Protein backbone atom coordinates (compact mmCIF):
# COMPACT_ATOMS: atom_id res chain seq x y z
CA MET A 1 0.16 -0.15 0.22
CA ALA A 2 1.09 3.51 -1.07
CA ASP A 3 2.46 5.35 1.89
CA LEU A 4 0.07 8.62 1.47
CA SER A 5 0.79 10.48 4.83
CA GLY A 6 2.32 13.46 4.52
CA THR A 7 1.93 14.08 0.50
CA SER A 8 0.00 17.19 0.26
CA PRO A 9 1.78 20.81 0.45
CA ASP A 10 -1.34 22.72 0.94
CA ARG A 11 -1.88 20.34 4.15
CA LEU A 12 2.22 22.19 5.04
CA SER A 13 1.02 25.33 3.85
CA GLY A 14 -2.10 25.75 6.02
CA ILE A 15 -0.29 24.74 9.44
CA SER A 16 2.82 26.34 8.68
CA ASP A 17 0.35 29.45 8.12
CA GLY A 18 -1.07 28.73 11.67
CA ILE A 19 1.20 28.15 13.74
CA PHE A 20 3.17 31.51 12.11
CA SER A 21 0.51 33.31 13.15
CA VAL A 22 -0.23 32.13 16.57
CA GLY A 23 3.38 32.40 17.25
CA MET A 24 3.65 35.88 16.03
CA THR A 25 0.14 36.59 17.81
CA LEU A 26 2.31 35.16 20.96
CA LEU A 27 4.97 37.56 21.22
CA VAL A 28 3.51 40.81 22.53
CA LEU A 29 2.20 38.56 25.46
CA GLY A 30 5.87 40.06 26.66
CA LEU A 31 4.95 43.23 26.64
CA VAL A 32 3.27 43.87 30.01
CA VAL A 33 2.79 47.00 31.67
CA GLN A 34 3.55 46.02 35.69
CA GLY A 35 3.49 47.61 39.19
CA LEU A 36 0.66 50.27 38.22
CA ASN A 37 -2.28 50.80 41.08
CA GLY A 38 -5.29 51.35 38.11
CA SER A 39 -6.96 54.90 39.06
CA HIS A 40 -3.95 55.78 40.79
CA THR A 41 -1.52 55.67 38.50
CA THR A 42 -0.09 59.16 37.60
CA GLU A 43 0.85 60.41 33.61
CA THR A 44 4.84 60.41 35.14
CA GLN A 45 4.59 57.00 36.65
CA LEU A 46 2.62 55.47 33.30
CA TRP A 47 5.17 57.19 30.98
CA ASP A 48 8.36 55.85 33.14
CA GLU A 49 6.56 52.07 32.74
CA LEU A 50 6.07 51.91 29.18
CA ARG A 51 10.11 53.32 29.09
CA ARG A 52 11.40 50.10 31.11
CA LEU A 53 9.82 48.41 28.38
CA GLY A 54 11.81 49.82 26.20
CA PRO A 55 14.17 46.51 25.87
CA SER A 56 11.06 44.37 25.91
CA ALA A 57 9.47 46.36 22.49
CA LEU A 58 13.05 46.39 20.49
CA ILE A 59 13.30 42.45 21.19
CA TYR A 60 9.54 42.15 20.05
CA THR A 61 9.98 43.65 17.23
CA MET A 62 13.12 42.03 16.89
CA SER A 63 11.58 37.92 16.99
CA PHE A 64 8.49 39.38 14.68
CA MET A 65 11.06 40.16 12.22
CA THR A 66 12.27 36.55 12.76
CA LEU A 67 9.32 34.47 12.16
CA GLY A 68 8.68 36.83 9.45
CA ILE A 69 11.83 36.44 7.06
CA PHE A 70 11.73 32.43 8.26
CA TRP A 71 8.03 32.21 7.36
CA LEU A 72 9.16 33.89 3.96
CA GLY A 73 12.21 31.87 3.54
CA GLN A 74 9.58 28.28 4.13
CA GLY A 75 7.32 29.89 1.35
CA THR A 76 9.87 29.69 -1.12
CA GLN A 77 9.95 25.70 0.05
CA LEU A 78 6.56 25.41 -0.02
CA ASN A 79 5.87 27.23 -3.50
CA HIS A 80 8.16 25.46 -4.69
CA LEU A 81 7.03 21.36 -3.51
CA THR A 82 6.03 19.84 -6.71
CA ARG A 83 4.44 17.11 -4.23
CA SER A 84 5.96 16.34 -0.59
CA ASN A 85 6.02 12.61 1.60
CA ARG A 86 6.25 11.65 4.97
CA ASN A 87 9.90 12.38 5.87
CA TYR A 88 9.61 16.07 4.26
CA ALA A 89 6.35 16.46 6.27
CA TRP A 90 8.38 15.83 9.63
CA ILE A 91 10.98 17.76 8.75
CA GLN A 92 9.06 20.66 8.23
CA LEU A 93 6.89 19.47 11.29
CA ALA A 94 10.69 19.82 13.12
CA PHE A 95 11.37 23.48 12.12
CA LEU A 96 7.72 24.62 13.05
CA PHE A 97 8.97 23.30 16.80
CA ALA A 98 11.46 26.16 16.50
CA VAL A 99 9.01 27.96 15.66
CA THR A 100 6.40 27.11 18.64
CA LEU A 101 9.75 27.98 20.78
CA VAL A 102 10.15 31.62 19.48
CA PRO A 103 7.68 33.08 22.26
CA PHE A 104 9.65 31.68 24.84
CA SER A 105 13.23 32.73 23.55
CA THR A 106 11.60 36.20 23.22
CA LEU A 107 10.51 36.19 26.33
CA LEU A 108 13.57 35.12 28.28
CA LEU A 109 15.55 37.15 26.37
CA ALA A 110 13.42 40.14 26.90
CA HIS A 111 13.58 39.42 31.08
CA PHE A 112 16.94 38.70 31.13
CA TYR A 113 18.70 40.21 27.44
CA TRP A 114 21.30 41.23 29.75
CA LEU A 115 21.95 37.49 30.34
CA ARG A 116 24.85 36.13 28.16
CA VAL A 117 22.67 32.51 27.97
CA ALA A 118 19.46 34.09 27.58
CA LEU A 119 21.08 35.49 24.46
CA ILE A 120 22.33 32.22 23.16
CA GLU A 121 19.88 30.46 24.04
CA TYR A 122 17.63 32.76 21.76
CA TRP A 123 20.80 32.14 19.04
CA LEU A 124 19.97 28.59 19.40
CA ASN A 125 16.65 28.75 18.73
CA ILE A 126 17.35 31.07 15.81
CA VAL A 127 20.38 27.78 14.86
CA LEU A 128 17.27 24.88 14.99
CA LEU A 129 14.84 27.41 12.52
CA GLY A 130 17.51 28.05 9.77
CA GLY A 131 18.68 24.36 10.58
CA MET A 132 15.62 22.91 9.79
CA LEU A 133 14.55 25.10 7.41
CA PHE A 134 17.76 24.18 5.60
CA ALA A 135 17.36 20.35 6.24
CA GLY A 136 14.01 20.25 4.31
CA LEU A 137 16.28 22.11 1.20
CA GLU A 138 18.60 19.65 1.00
CA TYR A 139 16.05 16.70 1.34
CA GLY A 140 13.21 18.12 -0.96
CA LEU A 141 17.06 18.19 -3.84
CA ARG A 142 17.50 14.66 -2.59
CA ALA A 143 13.84 13.26 -2.83
CA ASN A 144 13.42 15.21 -6.34
CA LEU A 145 10.40 17.30 -4.64
CA PHE A 146 10.89 20.48 -6.34
CA VAL A 147 9.60 21.85 -9.62
CA GLU A 148 12.19 21.31 -11.65
CA GLU A 149 12.27 24.98 -13.29
CA GLY A 150 14.94 27.17 -12.03
CA ARG A 151 15.99 24.49 -9.24
CA SER A 152 19.36 24.98 -9.52
CA GLU A 153 18.84 28.23 -9.15
CA MET A 154 16.63 28.20 -6.30
CA ALA A 155 18.53 25.98 -4.13
CA PHE A 156 22.03 28.04 -5.11
CA LEU A 157 19.86 31.00 -3.85
CA MET A 158 18.83 29.99 -0.95
CA ARG A 159 21.53 27.84 0.64
CA GLY A 160 23.28 30.94 0.17
CA ARG A 161 20.43 33.37 2.29
CA ILE A 162 20.53 30.84 4.83
CA LEU A 163 24.49 30.42 5.50
CA ILE A 164 24.86 32.95 4.69
CA ALA A 165 22.72 34.66 7.88
CA GLN A 166 22.95 32.05 9.94
CA SER A 167 26.64 32.97 10.34
CA LEU A 168 26.22 36.02 10.76
CA TYR A 169 23.57 35.76 14.01
CA ALA A 170 26.56 33.39 15.11
CA GLY A 171 29.02 36.17 14.90
CA ALA A 172 26.68 38.72 15.97
CA THR A 173 26.27 36.49 19.21
CA LEU A 174 29.33 35.68 19.82
CA LEU A 175 30.19 39.26 20.30
CA CYS A 176 28.95 39.30 23.73
CA VAL A 177 31.79 37.38 25.20
CA ILE A 178 34.02 40.15 25.07
CA PHE A 179 31.11 43.25 24.53
CA PRO A 180 27.78 43.51 26.67
CA THR A 181 24.85 41.46 25.61
CA TRP A 182 22.85 44.92 23.27
CA VAL A 183 25.60 45.07 21.95
CA SER A 184 24.68 41.46 20.11
CA ILE A 185 21.34 42.41 19.91
CA ALA A 186 21.34 45.52 18.06
CA LEU A 187 23.60 43.86 15.36
CA ILE A 188 20.72 40.86 15.05
CA VAL A 189 18.41 43.74 14.59
CA LEU A 190 20.54 45.22 12.32
CA ILE A 191 20.72 41.76 9.89
CA GLN A 192 17.73 41.17 10.00
CA LEU A 193 16.65 45.20 8.72
CA ASN A 194 18.98 43.57 5.53
CA TYR A 195 16.99 40.67 5.12
CA VAL A 196 13.53 42.40 5.73
CA ILE A 197 15.06 45.36 2.92
CA ALA A 198 17.47 44.13 0.79
CA PRO A 199 16.30 44.22 -3.16
CA ARG A 200 14.14 40.89 -4.33
CA ILE A 201 15.79 38.81 -6.84
CA PRO A 202 13.94 37.11 -9.08
CA ILE A 203 13.81 33.35 -8.70
CA LEU A 204 13.50 33.95 -5.46
CA ASP A 205 9.99 36.62 -6.24
CA ARG A 206 8.17 34.75 -3.19
CA PHE A 207 11.17 35.38 -0.67
């Protein structure tokens, strides 16, 4: 009997969009104003609390861009699929597992942004996302799951984007050994902004 499990690209796209949308929504739960006493709160107290949210707001924005970049990257793979199979589906589910960890990693880093452990945990989450996206690409190529037209160009460009981005993230994170963690965080944001506003490449119009 043929194994039809995980053969529908549409089902992969559906669950992916759902998990990404939930994960991106949960990020905002880390932006919480605490320690205020309702109607007794003054303008100054509220302003002070909003200023304290600055680091959390930056990390929230960083994580939203992280998920946006990987959502587009995964979308490129799924849009180039002609078919799927059980192994590819499980690779994508492992990728989505990494997506579900991002709200936790974001909250941890937002609460302890000055600690290297929190930053490294956040980076490892990005490594897992990139690693599973890369694994899906390589497996899909070996299993001949992608459309033939433009496949080699798509593979070359996606490999480059994943590997270069992961190298930049790693370099930025390792700087926390020498500098305060906010330096690494700022660099990660700049790296992400580069990928957000980078010129489009015709073969990856859906990236």
